[in-house]
PDB file of all heavy atoms in Angstrom:
ATOM      1  N   VAL A   1      24.487  -7.789 -15.276  1.00  0.00           N
ATOM      2  CA  VAL A   1      23.716  -8.611 -14.353  1.00  0.00           C
ATOM      3  C   VAL A   1      24.606  -8.878 -13.154  1.00  0.00           C
ATOM      4  O   VAL A   1      25.730  -9.378 -13.315  1.00  0.00           O
ATOM      5  CB  VAL A   1      23.277  -9.938 -15.004  1.00  0.00           C
ATOM      6  CG1 VAL A   1      22.449 -10.758 -14.021  1.00  0.00           C
ATOM      7  CG2 VAL A   1      22.489  -9.669 -16.282  1.00  0.00           C
ATOM      8  N   ILE A   2      24.128  -8.555 -11.971  1.00  0.00           N
ATOM      9  CA  ILE A   2      25.008  -8.639 -10.807  1.00  0.00           C
ATOM     10  C   ILE A   2      24.248  -9.196  -9.607  1.00  0.00           C
ATOM     11  O   ILE A   2      23.044  -8.978  -9.458  1.00  0.00           O
ATOM     12  CB  ILE A   2      25.588  -7.235 -10.474  1.00  0.00           C
ATOM     13  CG1 ILE A   2      26.718  -7.331  -9.452  1.00  0.00           C
ATOM     14  CG2 ILE A   2      24.500  -6.282 -10.021  1.00  0.00           C
ATOM     15  CD1 ILE A   2      27.515  -6.052  -9.323  1.00  0.00           C
ATOM     16  N   GLY A   3      24.951  -9.946  -8.780  1.00  0.00           N
ATOM     17  CA  GLY A   3      24.358 -10.466  -7.563  1.00  0.00           C
ATOM     18  C   GLY A   3      23.980  -9.345  -6.610  1.00  0.00           C
ATOM     19  O   GLY A   3      24.639  -8.304  -6.545  1.00  0.00           O
ATOM     20  N   TYR A   4      22.930  -9.557  -5.858  1.00  0.00           N
ATOM     21  CA  TYR A   4      22.362  -8.512  -4.999  1.00  0.00           C
ATOM     22  C   TYR A   4      23.349  -7.964  -3.979  1.00  0.00           C
ATOM     23  O   TYR A   4      23.244  -6.805  -3.546  1.00  0.00           O
ATOM     24  CB  TYR A   4      21.121  -9.045  -4.283  1.00  0.00           C
ATOM     25  CG  TYR A   4      21.436 -10.046  -3.194  1.00  0.00           C
ATOM     26  CD1 TYR A   4      21.393  -9.695  -1.856  1.00  0.00           C
ATOM     27  CD2 TYR A   4      21.809 -11.357  -3.501  1.00  0.00           C
ATOM     28  CE1 TYR A   4      21.695 -10.599  -0.860  1.00  0.00           C
ATOM     29  CE2 TYR A   4      22.113 -12.274  -2.518  1.00  0.00           C
ATOM     30  CZ  TYR A   4      22.053 -11.894  -1.205  1.00  0.00           C
ATOM     31  OH  TYR A   4      22.365 -12.801  -0.219  1.00  0.00           O
ATOM     32  N   ASP A   5      24.337  -8.788  -3.579  1.00  0.00           N
ATOM     33  CA  ASP A   5      25.254  -8.380  -2.508  1.00  0.00           C
ATOM     34  C   ASP A   5      26.683  -8.197  -2.993  1.00  0.00           C
ATOM     35  O   ASP A   5      27.611  -8.132  -2.184  1.00  0.00           O
ATOM     36  CB  ASP A   5      25.223  -9.400  -1.376  1.00  0.00           C
ATOM     37  CG  ASP A   5      25.646 -10.797  -1.830  1.00  0.00           C
ATOM     38  OD1 ASP A   5      25.752 -11.019  -3.052  1.00  0.00           O
ATOM     39  OD2 ASP A   5      25.860 -11.660  -0.961  1.00  0.00           O
ATOM     40  N   HIS A   6      26.883  -8.116  -4.326  1.00  0.00           N
ATOM     41  CA  HIS A   6      28.248  -8.016  -4.832  1.00  0.00           C
ATOM     42  C   HIS A   6      28.783  -6.589  -4.684  1.00  0.00           C
ATOM     43  O   HIS A   6      28.071  -5.612  -4.926  1.00  0.00           O
ATOM     44  CB  HIS A   6      28.308  -8.417  -6.302  1.00  0.00           C
ATOM     45  CG  HIS A   6      29.705  -8.372  -6.865  1.00  0.00           C
ATOM     46  ND1 HIS A   6      30.664  -9.289  -6.518  1.00  0.00           N
ATOM     47  CD2 HIS A   6      30.309  -7.500  -7.709  1.00  0.00           C
ATOM     48  CE1 HIS A   6      31.798  -9.009  -7.144  1.00  0.00           C
ATOM     49  NE2 HIS A   6      31.605  -7.911  -7.868  1.00  0.00           N
ATOM     50  N   HIS A   7      30.069  -6.485  -4.291  1.00  0.00           N
ATOM     51  CA  HIS A   7      30.742  -5.193  -4.177  1.00  0.00           C
ATOM     52  C   HIS A   7      32.098  -5.261  -4.863  1.00  0.00           C
ATOM     53  O   HIS A   7      32.699  -6.331  -4.963  1.00  0.00           O
ATOM     54  CB  HIS A   7      30.906  -4.794  -2.713  1.00  0.00           C
ATOM     55  CG  HIS A   7      29.607  -4.466  -2.037  1.00  0.00           C
ATOM     56  ND1 HIS A   7      28.820  -5.431  -1.448  1.00  0.00           N
ATOM     57  CD2 HIS A   7      28.937  -3.295  -1.893  1.00  0.00           C
ATOM     58  CE1 HIS A   7      27.727  -4.872  -0.957  1.00  0.00           C
ATOM     59  NE2 HIS A   7      27.768  -3.586  -1.209  1.00  0.00           N
ATOM     60  N   PHE A   8      32.573  -4.115  -5.309  1.00  0.00           N
ATOM     61  CA  PHE A   8      33.812  -4.081  -6.085  1.00  0.00           C
ATOM     62  C   PHE A   8      34.475  -2.727  -5.912  1.00  0.00           C
ATOM     63  O   PHE A   8      33.911  -1.803  -5.301  1.00  0.00           O
ATOM     64  CB  PHE A   8      33.506  -4.340  -7.571  1.00  0.00           C
ATOM     65  CG  PHE A   8      32.512  -3.376  -8.154  1.00  0.00           C
ATOM     66  CD1 PHE A   8      32.920  -2.166  -8.703  1.00  0.00           C
ATOM     67  CD2 PHE A   8      31.151  -3.663  -8.135  1.00  0.00           C
ATOM     68  CE1 PHE A   8      31.999  -1.262  -9.212  1.00  0.00           C
ATOM     69  CE2 PHE A   8      30.216  -2.778  -8.650  1.00  0.00           C
ATOM     70  CZ  PHE A   8      30.649  -1.568  -9.192  1.00  0.00           C
ATOM     71  N   GLY A   9      35.691  -2.606  -6.461  1.00  0.00           N
ATOM     72  CA  GLY A   9      36.428  -1.355  -6.382  1.00  0.00           C
ATOM     73  C   GLY A   9      37.185  -1.212  -5.070  1.00  0.00           C
ATOM     74  O   GLY A   9      37.107  -2.058  -4.176  1.00  0.00           O
ATOM     75  N   LYS A  10      37.928  -0.128  -4.955  1.00  0.00           N
ATOM     76  CA  LYS A  10      38.735   0.134  -3.768  1.00  0.00           C
ATOM     77  C   LYS A  10      37.875   0.069  -2.515  1.00  0.00           C
ATOM     78  O   LYS A  10      36.819   0.707  -2.431  1.00  0.00           O
ATOM     79  CB  LYS A  10      39.396   1.516  -3.884  1.00  0.00           C
ATOM     80  CG  LYS A  10      40.318   1.861  -2.731  1.00  0.00           C
ATOM     81  CD  LYS A  10      40.936   3.228  -2.933  1.00  0.00           C
ATOM     82  CE  LYS A  10      41.847   3.585  -1.761  1.00  0.00           C
ATOM     83  NZ  LYS A  10      42.453   4.942  -1.955  1.00  0.00           N
ATOM     84  N   ASN A  11      38.325  -0.734  -1.555  1.00  0.00           N
ATOM     85  CA  ASN A  11      37.610  -0.937  -0.288  1.00  0.00           C
ATOM     86  C   ASN A  11      36.201  -1.485  -0.495  1.00  0.00           C
ATOM     87  O   ASN A  11      35.352  -1.359   0.379  1.00  0.00           O
ATOM     88  CB  ASN A  11      37.555   0.371   0.519  1.00  0.00           C
ATOM     89  CG  ASN A  11      38.928   0.870   0.903  1.00  0.00           C
ATOM     90  OD1 ASN A  11      39.828   0.088   1.205  1.00  0.00           O
ATOM     91  ND2 ASN A  11      39.115   2.180   0.872  1.00  0.00           N
ATOM     92  N   ARG A  12      35.953  -2.063  -1.661  1.00  0.00           N
ATOM     93  CA  ARG A  12      34.669  -2.696  -1.978  1.00  0.00           C
ATOM     94  C   ARG A  12      33.496  -1.740  -1.763  1.00  0.00           C
ATOM     95  O   ARG A  12      32.439  -2.098  -1.233  1.00  0.00           O
ATOM     96  CB  ARG A  12      34.477  -3.966  -1.128  1.00  0.00           C
ATOM     97  CG  ARG A  12      35.453  -5.069  -1.489  1.00  0.00           C
ATOM     98  CD  ARG A  12      35.354  -6.263  -0.548  1.00  0.00           C
ATOM     99  NE  ARG A  12      33.998  -6.791  -0.460  1.00  0.00           N
ATOM    100  CZ  ARG A  12      33.440  -7.618  -1.335  1.00  0.00           C
ATOM    101  NH1 ARG A  12      34.136  -7.993  -2.400  1.00  0.00           N
ATOM    102  NH2 ARG A  12      32.216  -8.061  -1.153  1.00  0.00           N
ATOM    103  N   THR A  13      33.667  -0.503  -2.218  1.00  0.00           N
ATOM    104  CA  THR A  13      32.625   0.505  -2.015  1.00  0.00           C
ATOM    105  C   THR A  13      31.593   0.508  -3.131  1.00  0.00           C
ATOM    106  O   THR A  13      30.508   1.077  -2.975  1.00  0.00           O
ATOM    107  CB  THR A  13      33.256   1.905  -1.930  1.00  0.00           C
ATOM    108  OG1 THR A  13      34.028   2.152  -3.117  1.00  0.00           O
ATOM    109  CG2 THR A  13      34.171   2.014  -0.706  1.00  0.00           C
ATOM    110  N   GLY A  14      31.900  -0.091  -4.275  1.00  0.00           N
ATOM    111  CA  GLY A  14      30.960  -0.094  -5.389  1.00  0.00           C
ATOM    112  C   GLY A  14      29.949  -1.215  -5.279  1.00  0.00           C
ATOM    113  O   GLY A  14      30.230  -2.274  -4.722  1.00  0.00           O
ATOM    114  N   GLY A  15      28.762  -0.974  -5.813  1.00  0.00           N
ATOM    115  CA  GLY A  15      27.717  -1.989  -5.801  1.00  0.00           C
ATOM    116  C   GLY A  15      26.613  -1.624  -6.767  1.00  0.00           C
ATOM    117  O   GLY A  15      26.804  -0.828  -7.695  1.00  0.00           O
ATOM    118  N   ILE A  16      25.437  -2.193  -6.544  1.00  0.00           N
ATOM    119  CA  ILE A  16      24.317  -1.972  -7.460  1.00  0.00           C
ATOM    120  C   ILE A  16      23.967  -0.488  -7.552  1.00  0.00           C
ATOM    121  O   ILE A  16      23.726   0.039  -8.658  1.00  0.00           O
ATOM    122  CB  ILE A  16      23.094  -2.775  -6.982  1.00  0.00           C
ATOM    123  CG1 ILE A  16      23.387  -4.268  -7.056  1.00  0.00           C
ATOM    124  CG2 ILE A  16      21.863  -2.445  -7.823  1.00  0.00           C
ATOM    125  CD1 ILE A  16      22.349  -5.139  -6.380  1.00  0.00           C
ATOM    126  N   GLU A  17      23.946   0.211  -6.420  1.00  0.00           N
ATOM    127  CA  GLU A  17      23.542   1.611  -6.425  1.00  0.00           C
ATOM    128  C   GLU A  17      24.450   2.457  -7.309  1.00  0.00           C
ATOM    129  O   GLU A  17      23.979   3.303  -8.078  1.00  0.00           O
ATOM    130  CB  GLU A  17      23.534   2.167  -4.997  1.00  0.00           C
ATOM    131  CG  GLU A  17      22.511   1.534  -4.069  1.00  0.00           C
ATOM    132  CD  GLU A  17      22.949   0.192  -3.530  1.00  0.00           C
ATOM    133  OE1 GLU A  17      24.114  -0.210  -3.769  1.00  0.00           O
ATOM    134  OE2 GLU A  17      22.127  -0.472  -2.865  1.00  0.00           O
ATOM    135  N   GLU A  18      25.764   2.211  -7.210  1.00  0.00           N
ATOM    136  CA  GLU A  18      26.687   3.011  -8.016  1.00  0.00           C
ATOM    137  C   GLU A  18      26.598   2.639  -9.495  1.00  0.00           C
ATOM    138  O   GLU A  18      26.698   3.501 -10.362  1.00  0.00           O
ATOM    139  CB  GLU A  18      28.117   2.845  -7.505  1.00  0.00           C
ATOM    140  CG  GLU A  18      29.063   3.903  -8.047  1.00  0.00           C
ATOM    141  CD  GLU A  18      30.364   3.967  -7.278  1.00  0.00           C
ATOM    142  OE1 GLU A  18      30.580   3.125  -6.386  1.00  0.00           O
ATOM    143  OE2 GLU A  18      31.166   4.857  -7.581  1.00  0.00           O
ATOM    144  N   LEU A  19      26.402   1.356  -9.782  1.00  0.00           N
ATOM    145  CA  LEU A  19      26.206   0.961 -11.179  1.00  0.00           C
ATOM    146  C   LEU A  19      24.987   1.661 -11.768  1.00  0.00           C
ATOM    147  O   LEU A  19      25.030   2.155 -12.909  1.00  0.00           O
ATOM    148  CB  LEU A  19      26.030  -0.556 -11.270  1.00  0.00           C
ATOM    149  CG  LEU A  19      27.285  -1.408 -11.119  1.00  0.00           C
ATOM    150  CD1 LEU A  19      26.904  -2.879 -10.960  1.00  0.00           C
ATOM    151  CD2 LEU A  19      28.220  -1.231 -12.318  1.00  0.00           C
ATOM    152  N   GLU A  20      23.907   1.722 -11.007  1.00  0.00           N
ATOM    153  CA  GLU A  20      22.701   2.388 -11.491  1.00  0.00           C
ATOM    154  C   GLU A  20      22.902   3.894 -11.609  1.00  0.00           C
ATOM    155  O   GLU A  20      22.351   4.530 -12.518  1.00  0.00           O
ATOM    156  CB  GLU A  20      21.536   2.077 -10.551  1.00  0.00           C
ATOM    157  CG  GLU A  20      21.101   0.612 -10.596  1.00  0.00           C
ATOM    158  CD  GLU A  20      20.027   0.277  -9.587  1.00  0.00           C
ATOM    159  OE1 GLU A  20      19.918   1.028  -8.579  1.00  0.00           O
ATOM    160  OE2 GLU A  20      19.305  -0.718  -9.787  1.00  0.00           O
ATOM    161  N   GLN A  21      23.710   4.458 -10.741  1.00  0.00           N
ATOM    162  CA  GLN A  21      23.962   5.895 -10.768  1.00  0.00           C
ATOM    163  C   GLN A  21      24.606   6.331 -12.090  1.00  0.00           C
ATOM    164  O   GLN A  21      24.238   7.365 -12.660  1.00  0.00           O
ATOM    165  CB  GLN A  21      24.873   6.275  -9.594  1.00  0.00           C
ATOM    166  CG  GLN A  21      25.313   7.730  -9.590  1.00  0.00           C
ATOM    167  CD  GLN A  21      26.329   8.016  -8.495  1.00  0.00           C
ATOM    168  OE1 GLN A  21      26.477   7.235  -7.551  1.00  0.00           O
ATOM    169  NE2 GLN A  21      27.035   9.123  -8.622  1.00  0.00           N
ATOM    170  N   TYR A  22      25.564   5.543 -12.576  1.00  0.00           N
ATOM    171  CA  TYR A  22      26.289   5.934 -13.784  1.00  0.00           C
ATOM    172  C   TYR A  22      25.677   5.379 -15.069  1.00  0.00           C
ATOM    173  O   TYR A  22      26.127   5.714 -16.170  1.00  0.00           O
ATOM    174  CB  TYR A  22      27.746   5.473 -13.681  1.00  0.00           C
ATOM    175  CG  TYR A  22      28.552   6.236 -12.652  1.00  0.00           C
ATOM    176  CD1 TYR A  22      28.863   5.674 -11.421  1.00  0.00           C
ATOM    177  CD2 TYR A  22      28.983   7.536 -12.918  1.00  0.00           C
ATOM    178  CE1 TYR A  22      29.587   6.363 -10.474  1.00  0.00           C
ATOM    179  CE2 TYR A  22      29.705   8.249 -11.976  1.00  0.00           C
ATOM    180  CZ  TYR A  22      30.007   7.652 -10.751  1.00  0.00           C
ATOM    181  OH  TYR A  22      30.710   8.355  -9.819  1.00  0.00           O
ATOM    182  N   ALA A  23      24.659   4.535 -14.951  1.00  0.00           N
ATOM    183  CA  ALA A  23      24.090   3.890 -16.133  1.00  0.00           C
ATOM    184  C   ALA A  23      23.570   4.859 -17.185  1.00  0.00           C
ATOM    185  O   ALA A  23      23.872   4.698 -18.386  1.00  0.00           O
ATOM    186  CB  ALA A  23      22.984   2.928 -15.700  1.00  0.00           C
ATOM    187  N   PRO A  24      22.793   5.885 -16.826  1.00  0.00           N
ATOM    188  CA  PRO A  24      22.281   6.782 -17.873  1.00  0.00           C
ATOM    189  C   PRO A  24      23.389   7.492 -18.655  1.00  0.00           C
ATOM    190  O   PRO A  24      23.285   7.657 -19.879  1.00  0.00           O
ATOM    191  CB  PRO A  24      21.427   7.790 -17.086  1.00  0.00           C
ATOM    192  CG  PRO A  24      21.049   7.064 -15.826  1.00  0.00           C
ATOM    193  CD  PRO A  24      22.252   6.226 -15.499  1.00  0.00           C
ATOM    194  N   ALA A  25      24.447   7.881 -17.965  1.00  0.00           N
ATOM    195  CA  ALA A  25      25.519   8.629 -18.629  1.00  0.00           C
ATOM    196  C   ALA A  25      26.335   7.754 -19.568  1.00  0.00           C
ATOM    197  O   ALA A  25      26.853   8.243 -20.585  1.00  0.00           O
ATOM    198  CB  ALA A  25      26.434   9.260 -17.575  1.00  0.00           C
ATOM    199  N   TYR A  26      26.417   6.474 -19.269  1.00  0.00           N
ATOM    200  CA  TYR A  26      27.297   5.612 -20.063  1.00  0.00           C
ATOM    201  C   TYR A  26      26.545   4.595 -20.925  1.00  0.00           C
ATOM    202  O   TYR A  26      27.167   3.777 -21.596  1.00  0.00           O
ATOM    203  CB  TYR A  26      28.282   4.893 -19.143  1.00  0.00           C
ATOM    204  CG  TYR A  26      29.334   5.840 -18.603  1.00  0.00           C
ATOM    205  CD1 TYR A  26      29.166   6.434 -17.349  1.00  0.00           C
ATOM    206  CD2 TYR A  26      30.456   6.181 -19.351  1.00  0.00           C
ATOM    207  CE1 TYR A  26      30.106   7.323 -16.858  1.00  0.00           C
ATOM    208  CE2 TYR A  26      31.399   7.070 -18.861  1.00  0.00           C
ATOM    209  CZ  TYR A  26      31.217   7.641 -17.620  1.00  0.00           C
ATOM    210  OH  TYR A  26      32.150   8.534 -17.137  1.00  0.00           O
ATOM    211  N   GLY A  27      25.226   4.657 -20.930  1.00  0.00           N
ATOM    212  CA  GLY A  27      24.450   3.893 -21.889  1.00  0.00           C
ATOM    213  C   GLY A  27      24.362   2.401 -21.647  1.00  0.00           C
ATOM    214  O   GLY A  27      24.186   1.631 -22.590  1.00  0.00           O
ATOM    215  N   TYR A  28      24.453   1.980 -20.395  1.00  0.00           N
ATOM    216  CA  TYR A  28      24.248   0.558 -20.087  1.00  0.00           C
ATOM    217  C   TYR A  28      23.062   0.432 -19.140  1.00  0.00           C
ATOM    218  O   TYR A  28      22.597   1.431 -18.551  1.00  0.00           O
ATOM    219  CB  TYR A  28      25.502  -0.074 -19.486  1.00  0.00           C
ATOM    220  CG  TYR A  28      25.940   0.508 -18.157  1.00  0.00           C
ATOM    221  CD1 TYR A  28      25.347   0.102 -16.962  1.00  0.00           C
ATOM    222  CD2 TYR A  28      26.958   1.465 -18.084  1.00  0.00           C
ATOM    223  CE1 TYR A  28      25.734   0.615 -15.739  1.00  0.00           C
ATOM    224  CE2 TYR A  28      27.352   1.992 -16.867  1.00  0.00           C
ATOM    225  CZ  TYR A  28      26.740   1.564 -15.699  1.00  0.00           C
ATOM    226  OH  TYR A  28      27.119   2.097 -14.492  1.00  0.00           O
ATOM    227  N   THR A  29      22.567  -0.755 -18.984  1.00  0.00           N
ATOM    228  CA  THR A  29      21.476  -1.034 -18.046  1.00  0.00           C
ATOM    229  C   THR A  29      21.951  -2.039 -17.008  1.00  0.00           C
ATOM    230  O   THR A  29      22.938  -2.751 -17.217  1.00  0.00           O
ATOM    231  CB  THR A  29      20.232  -1.565 -18.778  1.00  0.00           C
ATOM    232  OG1 THR A  29      20.617  -2.657 -19.628  1.00  0.00           O
ATOM    233  CG2 THR A  29      19.595  -0.475 -19.622  1.00  0.00           C
ATOM    234  N   VAL A  30      21.224  -2.097 -15.884  1.00  0.00           N
ATOM    235  CA  VAL A  30      21.643  -2.927 -14.755  1.00  0.00           C
ATOM    236  C   VAL A  30      20.484  -3.817 -14.310  1.00  0.00           C
ATOM    237  O   VAL A  30      19.330  -3.371 -14.273  1.00  0.00           O
ATOM    238  CB  VAL A  30      22.102  -2.062 -13.564  1.00  0.00           C
ATOM    239  CG1 VAL A  30      22.597  -2.949 -12.411  1.00  0.00           C
ATOM    240  CG2 VAL A  30      23.186  -1.088 -13.989  1.00  0.00           C
ATOM    241  N   GLU A  31      20.820  -5.048 -13.980  1.00  0.00           N
ATOM    242  CA  GLU A  31      19.834  -5.997 -13.475  1.00  0.00           C
ATOM    243  C   GLU A  31      20.424  -6.711 -12.269  1.00  0.00           C
ATOM    244  O   GLU A  31      21.509  -7.294 -12.353  1.00  0.00           O
ATOM    245  CB  GLU A  31      19.481  -7.010 -14.565  1.00  0.00           C
ATOM    246  CG  GLU A  31      18.525  -8.092 -14.147  1.00  0.00           C
ATOM    247  CD  GLU A  31      18.258  -9.067 -15.280  1.00  0.00           C
ATOM    248  OE1 GLU A  31      18.723  -8.836 -16.418  1.00  0.00           O
ATOM    249  OE2 GLU A  31      17.574 -10.094 -15.009  1.00  0.00           O
ATOM    250  N   ALA A  32      19.728  -6.656 -11.156  1.00  0.00           N
ATOM    251  CA  ALA A  32      20.186  -7.325  -9.942  1.00  0.00           C
ATOM    252  C   ALA A  32      19.479  -8.669  -9.796  1.00  0.00           C
ATOM    253  O   ALA A  32      18.278  -8.779 -10.052  1.00  0.00           O
ATOM    254  CB  ALA A  32      19.911  -6.468  -8.716  1.00  0.00           C
ATOM    255  N   VAL A  33      20.231  -9.685  -9.395  1.00  0.00           N
ATOM    256  CA  VAL A  33      19.675 -11.012  -9.144  1.00  0.00           C
ATOM    257  C   VAL A  33      19.694 -11.255  -7.640  1.00  0.00           C
ATOM    258  O   VAL A  33      20.735 -11.126  -6.997  1.00  0.00           O
ATOM    259  CB  VAL A  33      20.477 -12.105  -9.884  1.00  0.00           C
ATOM    260  CG1 VAL A  33      19.949 -13.493  -9.533  1.00  0.00           C
ATOM    261  CG2 VAL A  33      20.415 -11.880 -11.388  1.00  0.00           C
ATOM    262  N   GLY A  34      18.551 -11.576  -7.093  1.00  0.00           N
ATOM    263  CA  GLY A  34      18.435 -11.773  -5.654  1.00  0.00           C
ATOM    264  C   GLY A  34      19.047 -13.074  -5.201  1.00  0.00           C
ATOM    265  O   GLY A  34      19.532 -13.885  -6.004  1.00  0.00           O
ATOM    266  N   PRO A  35      19.020 -13.313  -3.888  1.00  0.00           N
ATOM    267  CA  PRO A  35      19.609 -14.547  -3.348  1.00  0.00           C
ATOM    268  C   PRO A  35      18.866 -15.776  -3.862  1.00  0.00           C
ATOM    269  O   PRO A  35      17.651 -15.764  -4.019  1.00  0.00           O
ATOM    270  CB  PRO A  35      19.449 -14.386  -1.836  1.00  0.00           C
ATOM    271  CG  PRO A  35      18.310 -13.422  -1.677  1.00  0.00           C
ATOM    272  CD  PRO A  35      18.408 -12.482  -2.840  1.00  0.00           C
ATOM    273  N   GLN A  36      19.621 -16.824  -4.120  1.00  0.00           N
ATOM    274  CA  GLN A  36      19.058 -18.091  -4.556  1.00  0.00           C
ATOM    275  C   GLN A  36      19.029 -19.028  -3.358  1.00  0.00           C
ATOM    276  O   GLN A  36      20.063 -19.263  -2.727  1.00  0.00           O
ATOM    277  CB  GLN A  36      19.891 -18.690  -5.687  1.00  0.00           C
ATOM    278  CG  GLN A  36      20.009 -17.781  -6.912  1.00  0.00           C
ATOM    279  CD  GLN A  36      18.669 -17.451  -7.524  1.00  0.00           C
ATOM    280  OE1 GLN A  36      17.919 -18.347  -7.901  1.00  0.00           O
ATOM    281  NE2 GLN A  36      18.368 -16.164  -7.630  1.00  0.00           N
ATOM    282  N   ALA A  37      17.860 -19.534  -3.039  1.00  0.00           N
ATOM    283  CA  ALA A  37      17.694 -20.368  -1.854  1.00  0.00           C
ATOM    284  C   ALA A  37      17.427 -21.812  -2.240  1.00  0.00           C
ATOM    285  O   ALA A  37      16.835 -22.098  -3.278  1.00  0.00           O
ATOM    286  CB  ALA A  37      16.556 -19.843  -0.990  1.00  0.00           C
ATOM    287  N   LEU A  38      17.895 -22.697  -1.391  1.00  0.00           N
ATOM    288  CA  LEU A  38      17.633 -24.119  -1.543  1.00  0.00           C
ATOM    289  C   LEU A  38      17.153 -24.633  -0.192  1.00  0.00           C
ATOM    290  O   LEU A  38      17.871 -24.517   0.809  1.00  0.00           O
ATOM    291  CB  LEU A  38      18.907 -24.856  -1.978  1.00  0.00           C
ATOM    292  CG  LEU A  38      18.753 -26.323  -2.366  1.00  0.00           C
ATOM    293  CD1 LEU A  38      17.888 -26.452  -3.613  1.00  0.00           C
ATOM    294  CD2 LEU A  38      20.113 -26.957  -2.619  1.00  0.00           C
TER     295      LEU A  38
END
């Protein structure tokens, strides 16, 4: 479960798209949580 705008890895290049890209090969699922407003 990851925030919609979170990035990680060298130069912060990783994000939701890359997590979803590798999900089928490694057997995990991904869920994005959008911005929380007040």
